[in-house]
Amino acid sequence: MQLVAASVRIEQVKIYNLLGEAQNVSLSSVDSQAVQINMQAKPKGMYLVHIQTNKGTSIQRVVVQ
């Protein structure tokens, strides 16, 4: 999965399961506006992706199938 932010700088990305437990995932920074996240080793289910940028925070839901 790749996160791309058009006009902001991605500062931090954290992944949580629906129980609120932080997940260890491999993050690769493509550049200041894109991050590659490897979710292949995670069990199927829904996860919350907290994205901190220079302009605020966004929380997105991601489904691993």
Protein backbone atom coordinates (compact mmCIF):
# COMPACT_ATOMS: atom_id res chain seq x y z
CA MET A 1 0.00 0.00 0.00
CA GLN A 2 1.30 3.45 -0.81
CA LEU A 3 0.24 6.72 0.84
CA VAL A 4 0.66 9.85 -1.24
CA ALA A 5 -0.01 13.37 0.04
CA ALA A 6 -0.19 15.95 -2.74
CA SER A 7 0.60 19.26 -1.05
CA VAL A 8 1.78 18.25 2.44
CA ARG A 9 4.81 16.56 4.00
CA ILE A 10 4.21 13.19 5.70
CA GLU A 11 5.92 13.27 9.09
CA GLN A 12 4.73 10.06 10.78
CA VAL A 13 2.57 7.02 10.01
CA LYS A 14 1.25 4.59 12.64
CA ILE A 15 -0.93 1.51 12.09
CA TYR A 16 -3.41 0.18 14.69
CA ASN A 17 -5.77 -2.77 14.73
CA LEU A 18 -9.38 -2.21 15.78
CA LEU A 19 -8.47 -3.01 19.40
CA GLY A 20 -6.14 0.01 19.39
CA GLU A 21 -2.97 -2.06 19.45
CA ALA A 22 -0.04 -0.59 17.52
CA GLN A 23 1.10 -2.83 14.67
CA ASN A 24 4.66 -3.41 13.54
CA VAL A 25 4.80 -2.90 9.79
CA SER A 26 7.56 -2.11 7.35
CA LEU A 27 7.49 1.54 6.25
CA SER A 28 9.60 2.75 3.34
CA SER A 29 9.79 6.46 2.67
CA VAL A 30 9.56 7.12 -1.04
CA ASP A 31 9.93 10.86 -0.52
CA SER A 32 8.48 13.51 1.82
CA GLN A 33 5.05 13.14 0.19
CA ALA A 34 4.84 9.34 -0.20
CA VAL A 35 5.27 6.34 2.08
CA GLN A 36 5.19 2.65 1.12
CA ILE A 37 3.61 0.35 3.76
CA ASN A 38 4.04 -3.44 3.66
CA MET A 39 0.89 -5.05 5.11
CA GLN A 40 1.38 -8.49 3.52
CA ALA A 41 2.28 -10.25 6.78
CA LYS A 42 -0.81 -8.90 8.62
CA PRO A 43 -3.90 -11.05 9.15
CA LYS A 44 -7.05 -10.20 7.23
CA GLY A 45 -9.09 -7.46 8.82
CA MET A 46 -9.51 -3.72 9.23
CA TYR A 47 -6.73 -1.42 10.39
CA LEU A 48 -6.53 2.29 11.22
CA VAL A 49 -3.75 4.31 9.63
CA HIS A 50 -2.84 7.50 11.52
CA ILE A 51 -1.06 9.90 9.20
CA GLN A 52 0.65 12.95 10.71
CA THR A 53 1.58 15.69 8.24
CA ASN A 54 2.87 19.23 8.55
CA LYS A 55 -0.76 20.40 8.21
CA GLY A 56 -2.50 18.05 10.68
CA THR A 57 -3.56 14.47 11.31
CA SER A 58 -5.70 12.12 9.24
CA ILE A 59 -7.06 8.70 10.18
CA GLN A 60 -7.91 6.29 7.37
CA ARG A 61 -9.40 2.79 7.49
CA VAL A 62 -7.63 0.07 5.52
CA VAL A 63 -8.95 -3.43 4.87
CA VAL A 64 -6.45 -6.27 4.40
CA GLN A 65 -8.02 -9.09 2.35
